Amino acid sequence: MTKRDSHSGQQLWTGRFTEATDAFVERFSASVHFDARLALQDIQGSEAHARMLAAQEVLTTDERDAILAGLAGIRQEVIEGRFPWSPQLEDVHMNIEARLTERIGEAGKKLHTGRSRNDQIATDVRLFLREAIDGISEELVRFQCGLVELAEREADTIMPGFTHLQVAQPVTFGHHMLAWYEMLERDRDRLADCRRRLNQCPLGAAALAGTSFPIDREATARELGFDGPTRNSLDSVSDRDFAIEFCASASLLLVHLSRMAEELVLWTSPHFGFVELPDRFCTGSSIMPQKKNPDVAELVRGKAARAQGDLVQLLTLMKGQPLAYNRDNQEDKEPLFDAVDTARDALTAFADMVPAMAVNREHCRAAARAGFATATDLADYLVRQGVAFRDAHEVVGRAVRYAQEAERDLPELTVEELQQFSSAIGEDVYAVLTLEGSVAARSHIGGTAPAQVRCQAQAARERLA
């Protein structure tokens, strides 16, 4: 079947052709099954274009009003799910244009004056992505606010800090939550930067060279909320940097969420027992009744792979394309849509789940005690007593080995036992060997001391306000 205007019987674009498009090619090249998602953005761009054409006297006032009324009716059909999508009309643009012509007659055919589907789709995708970034950023802030609240609530909760997944030094749970916050803050900055760069309007670039009609690109850019029009028509219709940049930002955001998910999976296991997730975010086993599986965290960890795949797909799509627009670019939307959905849904899941988890403070503290977490504090103590750091390191290593063999923690050793390894050790050593003393001693910007956690949490609140 050829692509025809089902109301006039005239083909929409096939005047140049002498034979019908192959049915398979029609189906293969159609994009309406996914780009229908851009319908509202397409209508928004068309309304701005119609107003501009009327202001430039390319359309009459009556034609403009008929077009705007027709588009308003189509918008309502889309919102209510009543729009009659046709795969034979290929894409979202042709479907809306044909429907407009059906509703208002010949005036509908004039809407496309001075533009092309090339600049039209470039505008639609930017409008869509700008809105998507705003929505994702709102979820980011909601998650960050939850982390700040959790950090304040657990500012005094001591847990082990790890390197190489081995107990390294004691930290506070609140400090760990603020580390997650900082990762997300960089993601938020990246998305804001991406939004700033994409906020240029391609409408008016037409197919690739601009148009001979007296259009006002500044006017359409203003009406659509862009910072201004794009500067080069060739680049305007072929650029997909903004989509790639978003997918890169989304991919890194999902990497951060995946790292958090990995820690949650570990922390909820009986071997750690640091936290318990709400039942509504977990599932059970079909044969093991005791199981409570952290499925949401595991799925977020898995969905990071999707976001990375979306990025690679777009990079590969664009790497060999000459200027200007090529049909390859039809394939940009599905990975972009997937990246948007994946990022938003993962954030929503974590913003709901993480702040609601219960922290087992006793298990966290016991784990910090189990790994000689204050060994570095003993080394620092010796340095303050005048012992060279490398010598202090050796002393503490021997003391840890002794404590390990005795199945005791360093604070449980007597001062006489500790003095076997260095005469510089005095009764005051226990002030630094306790977990509380260790974290309290790190009271500087970025440190894990409870006072610093509360200070940084307040600063975070102010940034998010």
Protein backbone atom coordinates (compact mmCIF):
# COMPACT_ATOMS: atom_id res chain seq x y z
CA MET A 1 0.00 0.00 0.00
CA THR A 2 1.36 3.45 -0.82
CA LYS A 3 1.32 6.23 1.73
CA ARG A 4 -1.70 8.26 0.77
CA ASP A 5 -3.80 10.95 2.33
CA SER A 6 -6.70 8.70 3.25
CA HIS A 7 -9.09 11.61 2.90
CA SER A 8 -8.08 13.03 -0.48
CA GLY A 9 -6.64 9.89 -2.07
CA GLN A 10 -3.44 11.81 -2.89
CA GLN A 11 -0.06 10.43 -1.88
CA LEU A 12 1.59 12.59 0.78
CA TRP A 13 5.09 12.63 -0.66
CA THR A 14 5.22 10.30 -3.65
CA GLY A 15 4.72 12.71 -6.52
CA ARG A 16 8.25 11.94 -7.69
CA PHE A 17 7.62 8.17 -7.76
CA THR A 18 6.11 5.94 -10.45
CA GLU A 19 5.47 2.81 -8.38
CA ALA A 20 4.04 2.05 -4.99
CA THR A 21 6.26 1.49 -1.98
CA ASP A 22 6.73 -2.19 -1.21
CA ALA A 23 4.49 -3.27 1.66
CA PHE A 24 7.45 -4.65 3.60
CA VAL A 25 9.43 -1.43 3.11
CA GLU A 26 6.43 0.54 4.35
CA ARG A 27 6.30 -1.54 7.49
CA PHE A 28 10.08 -1.60 7.88
CA SER A 29 10.46 2.16 7.60
CA ALA A 30 7.46 3.19 9.72
CA SER A 31 8.25 4.81 13.05
CA VAL A 32 4.83 5.79 14.33
CA HIS A 33 4.74 2.83 16.72
CA PHE A 34 7.39 4.58 18.82
CA ASP A 35 7.53 8.23 17.75
CA ALA A 36 3.81 8.67 18.52
CA ARG A 37 5.20 9.38 21.97
CA LEU A 38 6.25 12.79 20.61
CA ALA A 39 2.71 13.79 19.60
CA LEU A 40 2.24 16.52 22.18
CA GLN A 41 5.63 18.03 21.42
CA ASP A 42 4.85 17.87 17.69
CA ILE A 43 1.60 19.75 18.26
CA GLN A 44 3.36 22.30 20.45
CA GLY A 45 5.93 23.00 17.75
CA SER A 46 3.24 23.18 15.08
CA GLU A 47 1.26 25.75 17.05
CA ALA A 48 4.31 27.99 17.39
CA HIS A 49 5.07 27.55 13.69
CA ALA A 50 1.51 28.46 12.70
CA ARG A 51 1.52 31.62 14.81
CA MET A 52 4.84 32.66 13.35
CA LEU A 53 3.68 32.06 9.76
CA ALA A 54 0.60 34.20 10.38
CA ALA A 55 2.68 36.97 11.94
CA GLN A 56 4.87 36.89 8.82
CA GLU A 57 1.73 36.95 6.63
CA VAL A 58 2.50 33.57 5.11
CA LEU A 59 -0.82 32.35 6.56
CA THR A 60 -3.97 34.40 6.94
CA THR A 61 -5.46 34.98 10.35
CA ASP A 62 -8.37 32.69 9.50
CA GLU A 63 -5.99 29.93 8.40
CA ARG A 64 -3.98 30.31 11.61
CA ASP A 65 -7.08 30.15 13.78
CA ALA A 66 -8.38 27.08 11.96
CA ILE A 67 -5.02 25.34 12.35
CA LEU A 68 -4.79 26.18 16.04
CA ALA A 69 -8.33 25.00 16.70
CA GLY A 70 -7.66 21.79 14.78
CA LEU A 71 -4.44 21.14 16.68
CA ALA A 72 -6.21 21.75 19.99
CA GLY A 73 -8.76 19.10 19.07
CA ILE A 74 -6.02 16.67 18.05
CA ARG A 75 -4.21 17.28 21.34
CA GLN A 76 -7.35 16.28 23.21
CA GLU A 77 -7.68 13.13 21.11
CA VAL A 78 -4.08 12.18 21.90
CA ILE A 79 -4.48 12.84 25.62
CA GLU A 80 -7.70 10.82 25.78
CA GLY A 81 -6.26 7.97 23.68
CA ARG A 82 -8.75 8.50 20.84
CA PHE A 83 -6.32 9.54 18.12
CA PRO A 84 -6.58 7.23 15.05
CA TRP A 85 -2.92 6.34 14.50
CA SER A 86 -2.16 4.86 11.07
CA PRO A 87 1.05 2.92 10.34
CA GLN A 88 0.53 3.69 6.64
CA LEU A 89 1.17 7.37 7.40
CA GLU A 90 4.67 6.43 8.55
CA ASP A 91 5.36 8.75 11.49
CA VAL A 92 3.93 11.08 14.08
CA HIS A 93 4.23 14.12 11.80
CA MET A 94 2.31 12.66 8.86
CA ASN A 95 -0.37 11.26 11.15
CA ILE A 96 -1.02 14.61 12.78
CA GLU A 97 -0.88 16.52 9.50
CA ALA A 98 -3.36 14.13 7.85
CA ARG A 99 -5.68 14.32 10.83
CA LEU A 100 -5.48 18.12 10.82
CA THR A 101 -6.39 18.23 7.13
CA GLU A 102 -9.30 15.90 7.78
CA ARG A 103 -10.59 18.19 10.53
CA ILE A 104 -10.11 21.62 8.91
CA GLY A 105 -9.64 21.02 5.19
CA GLU A 106 -7.14 22.75 2.89
CA ALA A 107 -5.72 25.04 5.58
CA GLY A 108 -4.22 21.98 7.23
CA LYS A 109 -1.99 21.39 4.22
CA LYS A 110 -0.48 24.86 4.59
CA LEU A 111 0.95 24.24 8.06
CA HIS A 112 4.07 22.59 6.67
CA THR A 113 5.07 25.73 4.76
CA GLY A 114 8.64 26.76 5.60
CA ARG A 115 9.59 23.65 7.52
CA SER A 116 10.58 20.03 6.97
CA ARG A 117 10.15 16.86 8.96
CA ASN A 118 13.91 17.16 9.52
CA ASP A 119 13.76 20.33 11.60
CA GLN A 120 10.38 19.27 12.97
CA ILE A 121 11.69 16.06 14.55
CA ALA A 122 14.84 17.76 15.79
CA THR A 123 12.60 20.26 17.60
CA ASP A 124 10.21 17.61 18.91
CA VAL A 125 13.00 15.55 20.45
CA ARG A 126 14.55 18.59 22.13
CA LEU A 127 11.19 19.57 23.58
CA PHE A 128 10.66 16.02 24.81
CA LEU A 129 14.10 15.69 26.32
CA ARG A 130 13.98 19.07 28.01
CA GLU A 131 10.78 18.03 29.76
CA ALA A 132 12.22 14.61 30.59
CA ILE A 133 15.34 16.15 32.16
CA ASP A 134 13.16 18.39 34.32
CA GLY A 135 11.18 15.37 35.53
CA ILE A 136 14.29 13.28 36.21
CA SER A 137 15.90 16.18 38.05
CA GLU A 138 12.85 16.43 40.30
CA GLU A 139 13.21 12.75 41.18
CA LEU A 140 16.92 13.25 41.79
CA VAL A 141 16.18 16.04 44.26
CA ARG A 142 13.52 13.92 45.97
CA PHE A 143 16.01 11.08 46.42
CA GLN A 144 18.70 13.48 47.64
CA CYS A 145 16.30 14.97 50.20
CA GLY A 146 15.59 11.47 51.47
CA LEU A 147 19.30 10.76 51.78
CA VAL A 148 19.88 13.98 53.71
CA GLU A 149 17.11 13.06 56.15
CA LEU A 150 18.59 9.60 56.56
CA ALA A 151 22.06 11.08 57.08
CA GLU A 152 20.80 13.33 59.87
CA ARG A 153 18.92 10.47 61.50
CA GLU A 154 21.98 8.21 61.44
CA ALA A 155 24.68 10.84 62.01
CA ASP A 156 25.91 9.01 65.14
CA THR A 157 25.52 5.47 63.82
CA ILE A 158 28.94 3.87 63.47
CA MET A 159 29.61 1.38 60.70
CA PRO A 160 32.75 0.07 59.02
CA GLY A 161 34.16 1.96 56.09
CA PHE A 162 35.62 -0.37 53.49
CA THR A 163 38.42 -0.43 50.97
CA HIS A 164 38.79 -3.58 48.86
CA LEU A 165 35.59 -4.64 50.71
CA GLN A 166 37.78 -5.11 53.79
CA VAL A 167 37.12 -3.20 57.00
CA ALA A 168 39.30 -0.09 56.83
CA GLN A 169 38.22 2.62 59.30
CA PRO A 170 35.04 3.42 61.18
CA VAL A 171 32.69 5.90 59.57
CA THR A 172 29.17 7.00 60.33
CA PHE A 173 26.17 5.75 58.42
CA GLY A 174 25.14 9.34 57.87
CA HIS A 175 28.51 10.05 56.28
CA HIS A 176 27.98 7.14 53.90
CA MET A 177 24.55 8.47 52.89
CA LEU A 178 26.07 11.86 52.14
CA ALA A 179 28.60 10.14 49.89
CA TRP A 180 25.64 8.83 47.89
CA TYR A 181 24.20 12.35 47.92
CA GLU A 182 27.39 13.77 46.39
CA MET A 183 27.32 11.23 43.57
CA LEU A 184 23.78 12.33 42.74
CA GLU A 185 24.69 16.00 43.00
CA ARG A 186 27.21 15.55 40.20
CA ASP A 187 24.51 13.78 38.18
CA ARG A 188 22.17 16.70 38.75
CA ASP A 189 24.84 19.15 37.58
CA ARG A 190 25.47 17.11 34.45
CA LEU A 191 21.79 17.00 33.57
CA ALA A 192 21.47 20.77 34.07
CA ASP A 193 24.45 21.31 31.79
CA CYS A 194 22.96 18.98 29.18
CA ARG A 195 19.65 20.83 29.37
CA ARG A 196 21.37 24.17 28.86
CA ARG A 197 23.13 22.95 25.74
CA LEU A 198 20.08 21.33 24.15
CA ASN A 199 17.88 24.38 24.68
CA GLN A 200 18.39 25.80 21.17
CA CYS A 201 15.58 25.69 18.62
CA PRO A 202 16.18 23.96 15.23
CA LEU A 203 12.77 24.93 13.83
CA GLY A 204 13.26 26.92 10.64
CA ALA A 205 16.32 25.01 9.47
CA ALA A 206 13.87 23.16 7.22
CA ALA A 207 15.32 20.17 5.36
CA LEU A 208 18.95 21.28 5.64
CA ALA A 209 19.45 24.73 4.08
CA GLY A 210 16.77 26.89 5.65
CA THR A 211 13.75 28.20 3.76
CA SER A 212 12.97 30.95 1.26
CA PHE A 213 9.89 32.01 3.22
CA PRO A 214 10.23 35.08 5.48
CA ILE A 215 10.19 33.17 8.76
CA ASP A 216 11.02 34.55 12.21
CA ARG A 217 13.09 31.92 13.98
CA GLU A 218 13.58 34.09 17.05
CA ALA A 219 9.80 34.22 17.55
CA THR A 220 9.29 30.45 17.42
CA ALA A 221 12.29 29.87 19.67
CA ARG A 222 10.89 32.31 22.21
CA GLU A 223 7.40 30.82 22.16
CA LEU A 224 8.75 27.30 22.67
CA GLY A 225 10.89 28.36 25.63
CA PHE A 226 14.26 27.94 23.92
CA ASP A 227 17.18 30.27 24.61
CA GLY A 228 17.38 31.03 20.90
CA PRO A 229 17.53 29.44 17.45
CA THR A 230 20.33 27.13 16.37
CA ARG A 231 22.98 28.87 14.27
CA ASN A 232 23.58 26.51 11.34
CA SER A 233 20.85 24.78 9.36
CA LEU A 234 23.00 21.79 8.35
CA ASP A 235 23.98 21.10 11.92
CA SER A 236 20.47 21.84 13.20
CA VAL A 237 18.83 18.89 11.46
CA SER A 238 21.68 16.40 11.86
CA ASP A 239 22.85 17.08 15.42
CA ARG A 240 22.06 14.45 18.01
CA ASP A 241 24.80 15.42 20.46
CA PHE A 242 22.18 16.44 23.00
CA ALA A 243 20.65 12.95 22.95
CA ILE A 244 24.07 11.31 23.28
CA GLU A 245 25.01 13.67 26.08
CA PHE A 246 21.81 12.86 27.94
CA CYS A 247 22.40 9.13 27.53
CA ALA A 248 25.95 9.57 28.83
CA SER A 249 24.59 11.42 31.86
CA ALA A 250 21.88 8.80 32.36
CA SER A 251 24.41 6.01 32.02
CA LEU A 252 26.63 7.50 34.71
CA LEU A 253 23.60 8.14 36.93
CA LEU A 254 22.67 4.46 36.60
CA VAL A 255 26.26 3.47 37.39
CA HIS A 256 25.92 5.42 40.64
CA LEU A 257 22.57 3.84 41.42
CA SER A 258 24.04 0.43 40.59
CA ARG A 259 26.87 0.96 43.08
CA MET A 260 24.30 1.92 45.72
CA ALA A 261 22.25 -1.13 44.78
CA GLU A 262 25.28 -3.38 45.20
CA GLU A 263 25.83 -2.06 48.70
CA LEU A 264 22.15 -2.52 49.55
CA VAL A 265 22.26 -6.11 48.34
CA LEU A 266 25.29 -6.73 50.55
CA TRP A 267 23.92 -4.85 53.54
CA THR A 268 20.60 -6.71 53.52
CA SER A 269 22.26 -10.13 53.53
CA PRO A 270 22.47 -11.93 56.90
CA HIS A 271 26.28 -11.76 56.74
CA PHE A 272 26.07 -7.96 57.00
CA GLY A 273 22.61 -7.27 58.39
CA PHE A 274 23.16 -3.50 58.29
CA VAL A 275 19.73 -2.58 56.90
CA GLU A 276 16.31 -4.01 56.26
CA LEU A 277 14.31 -2.86 53.25
CA PRO A 278 10.53 -2.42 53.48
CA ASP A 279 8.64 -5.56 52.50
CA ARG A 280 6.89 -3.72 49.67
CA PHE A 281 10.20 -3.40 47.83
CA CYS A 282 11.19 -7.05 48.19
CA THR A 283 9.96 -10.44 46.99
CA GLY A 284 10.10 -13.98 48.29
CA SER A 285 11.13 -17.31 46.87
CA SER A 286 8.83 -19.83 45.22
CA ILE A 287 10.37 -22.70 47.23
CA MET A 288 12.34 -21.12 50.11
CA PRO A 289 9.87 -19.51 52.53
CA GLN A 290 12.56 -17.77 54.59
CA LYS A 291 13.83 -15.64 51.71
CA LYS A 292 13.40 -11.86 51.44
CA ASN A 293 15.06 -10.84 48.22
CA PRO A 294 16.14 -7.24 47.48
CA ASP A 295 14.73 -7.44 43.97
CA VAL A 296 14.32 -3.70 43.40
CA ALA A 297 17.98 -3.08 44.19
CA GLU A 298 19.04 -5.98 41.97
CA LEU A 299 16.88 -4.73 39.10
CA VAL A 300 18.32 -1.23 39.35
CA ARG A 301 21.79 -2.79 39.28
CA GLY A 302 20.78 -4.70 36.16
CA LYS A 303 19.15 -1.71 34.47
CA ALA A 304 22.46 0.13 34.52
CA ALA A 305 23.42 -2.19 31.65
CA ARG A 306 20.42 -0.93 29.67
CA ALA A 307 21.46 2.69 30.07
CA GLN A 308 25.00 1.88 28.98
CA GLY A 309 23.64 0.00 25.95
CA ASP A 310 21.47 2.99 25.01
CA LEU A 311 24.54 5.23 25.05
CA VAL A 312 26.61 2.87 22.92
CA GLN A 313 23.74 2.47 20.46
CA LEU A 314 23.49 6.22 19.90
CA LEU A 315 27.25 6.70 19.63
CA THR A 316 27.44 3.93 17.06
CA LEU A 317 24.42 5.29 15.19
CA MET A 318 26.03 8.70 14.68
CA LYS A 319 29.68 7.83 14.14
CA GLY A 320 29.58 7.38 10.34
CA GLN A 321 26.91 9.82 9.22
CA PRO A 322 27.69 12.58 6.72
CA LEU A 323 25.84 15.90 6.88
CA ALA A 324 22.98 16.50 6.94
CA TYR A 325 19.94 14.45 7.98
CA ASN A 326 19.98 10.71 7.26
CA ARG A 327 17.23 8.17 7.81
CA ASP A 328 19.53 6.40 10.25
CA ASN A 329 18.43 9.02 12.75
CA GLN A 330 15.02 7.43 12.98
CA GLU A 331 16.80 4.91 15.21
CA ASP A 332 17.75 7.53 17.81
CA LYS A 333 14.40 7.62 19.59
CA GLU A 334 14.02 4.16 21.05
CA PRO A 335 17.36 4.17 22.92
CA LEU A 336 16.71 7.74 24.03
CA PHE A 337 13.22 6.91 25.28
CA ASP A 338 14.59 3.83 27.03
CA ALA A 339 17.32 5.83 28.75
CA VAL A 340 14.77 8.39 29.93
CA ASP A 341 12.40 5.75 31.27
CA THR A 342 15.15 3.71 32.90
CA ALA A 343 16.70 6.68 34.68
CA ARG A 344 13.38 8.04 35.89
CA ASP A 345 12.02 4.70 37.08
CA ALA A 346 15.22 3.72 38.88
CA LEU A 347 15.30 7.05 40.67
CA THR A 348 11.64 6.76 41.64
CA ALA A 349 12.25 3.29 43.09
CA PHE A 350 15.23 4.42 45.16
CA ALA A 351 13.64 7.70 46.26
CA ASP A 352 10.75 5.66 47.67
CA MET A 353 12.76 2.75 49.07
CA VAL A 354 16.06 3.96 50.51
CA PRO A 355 14.85 6.61 52.98
CA ALA A 356 12.30 4.08 54.30
CA MET A 357 14.86 1.37 55.12
CA ALA A 358 15.57 0.45 58.73
CA VAL A 359 19.19 0.66 59.91
CA ASN A 360 20.40 -2.01 62.36
CA ARG A 361 22.76 0.11 64.43
CA GLU A 362 23.96 -2.78 66.58
CA HIS A 363 25.00 -4.86 63.57
CA CYS A 364 26.75 -1.87 62.00
CA ARG A 365 28.70 -1.22 65.18
CA ALA A 366 29.61 -4.87 65.66
CA ALA A 367 30.94 -5.04 62.11
CA ALA A 368 33.10 -1.96 62.73
CA ARG A 369 34.58 -3.58 65.82
CA ALA A 370 35.29 -6.87 64.06
CA GLY A 371 37.93 -5.62 61.67
CA PHE A 372 40.39 -3.65 63.84
CA ALA A 373 38.96 -0.47 62.33
CA THR A 374 40.81 1.82 64.74
CA ALA A 375 44.27 0.52 63.79
CA THR A 376 44.99 3.67 61.80
CA ASP A 377 44.05 5.75 64.84
CA LEU A 378 46.67 3.90 66.88
CA ALA A 379 49.25 4.63 64.19
CA ASP A 380 48.29 8.32 64.21
CA TYR A 381 48.55 8.35 67.99
CA LEU A 382 52.11 7.00 67.81
CA VAL A 383 53.07 9.61 65.23
CA ARG A 384 51.82 12.33 67.57
CA GLN A 385 54.08 10.77 70.21
CA GLY A 386 57.07 11.30 67.92
CA VAL A 387 57.27 7.88 66.27
CA ALA A 388 57.99 7.94 62.53
CA PHE A 389 54.93 6.87 60.54
CA ARG A 390 56.60 3.86 58.93
CA ASP A 391 57.73 2.65 62.35
CA ALA A 392 54.25 3.30 63.75
CA HIS A 393 52.79 1.29 60.89
CA GLU A 394 55.03 -1.65 61.81
CA VAL A 395 54.15 -1.39 65.51
CA VAL A 396 50.42 -1.39 64.84
CA GLY A 397 50.68 -4.28 62.41
CA ARG A 398 52.33 -6.41 65.13
CA ALA A 399 49.73 -5.29 67.68
CA VAL A 400 46.91 -6.28 65.33
CA ARG A 401 48.44 -9.70 64.78
CA TYR A 402 48.70 -10.16 68.57
CA ALA A 403 45.07 -9.09 69.08
CA GLN A 404 43.92 -11.36 66.30
CA GLU A 405 45.62 -14.35 67.86
CA ALA A 406 44.10 -13.40 71.22
CA GLU A 407 40.69 -13.02 69.55
CA ARG A 408 40.28 -9.51 70.97
CA ASP A 409 39.91 -6.07 69.46
CA LEU A 410 42.61 -3.43 69.98
CA PRO A 411 40.65 -1.48 72.64
CA GLU A 412 40.36 -4.73 74.64
CA LEU A 413 44.13 -5.04 75.05
CA THR A 414 45.66 -3.72 78.28
CA VAL A 415 48.10 -0.85 78.15
CA GLU A 416 50.82 -3.26 79.28
CA GLU A 417 50.06 -5.53 76.33
CA LEU A 418 50.18 -2.58 73.93
CA GLN A 419 53.46 -1.36 75.42
CA GLN A 420 55.08 -4.64 74.31
CA PHE A 421 55.10 -3.09 70.86
CA SER A 422 56.01 0.53 71.73
CA SER A 423 56.93 2.29 74.95
CA ALA A 424 55.37 5.45 73.49
CA ILE A 425 51.91 4.09 74.26
CA GLY A 426 50.31 5.50 77.41
CA GLU A 427 47.00 5.31 79.26
CA ASP A 428 45.55 8.02 77.04
CA VAL A 429 45.63 5.68 74.03
CA TYR A 430 42.10 4.44 74.70
CA ALA A 431 40.67 7.83 73.76
CA VAL A 432 41.60 7.12 70.15
CA LEU A 433 41.01 3.38 70.12
CA THR A 434 37.25 3.62 70.65
CA LEU A 435 34.98 3.78 67.63
CA GLU A 436 33.39 7.00 68.88
CA GLY A 437 36.79 8.59 69.43
CA SER A 438 37.91 7.59 65.95
CA VAL A 439 34.99 9.16 64.10
CA ALA A 440 34.86 12.22 66.35
CA ALA A 441 38.54 12.93 65.64
CA ARG A 442 37.80 13.41 61.94
CA SER A 443 35.96 16.68 62.38
CA HIS A 444 36.92 18.67 59.32
CA ILE A 445 35.21 19.51 56.03
CA GLY A 446 34.29 16.22 54.41
CA GLY A 447 35.11 14.22 57.53
CA THR A 448 32.98 11.50 59.08
CA ALA A 449 32.52 13.08 62.52
CA PRO A 450 28.84 13.31 63.51
CA ALA A 451 29.12 17.09 63.88
CA GLN A 452 30.46 17.35 60.35
CA VAL A 453 27.74 15.06 59.02
CA ARG A 454 25.09 17.34 60.47
CA CYS A 455 26.84 20.41 59.12
CA GLN A 456 27.15 18.93 55.62
CA ALA A 457 23.54 17.73 55.72
CA GLN A 458 22.37 21.26 56.48
CA ALA A 459 24.50 22.63 53.62
CA ALA A 460 22.97 20.01 51.33
CA ARG A 461 19.47 21.07 52.36
CA GLU A 462 20.29 24.64 51.42
CA ARG A 463 21.59 23.58 48.01
CA LEU A 464 18.42 21.60 47.34
CA ALA A 465 16.05 24.36 48.46
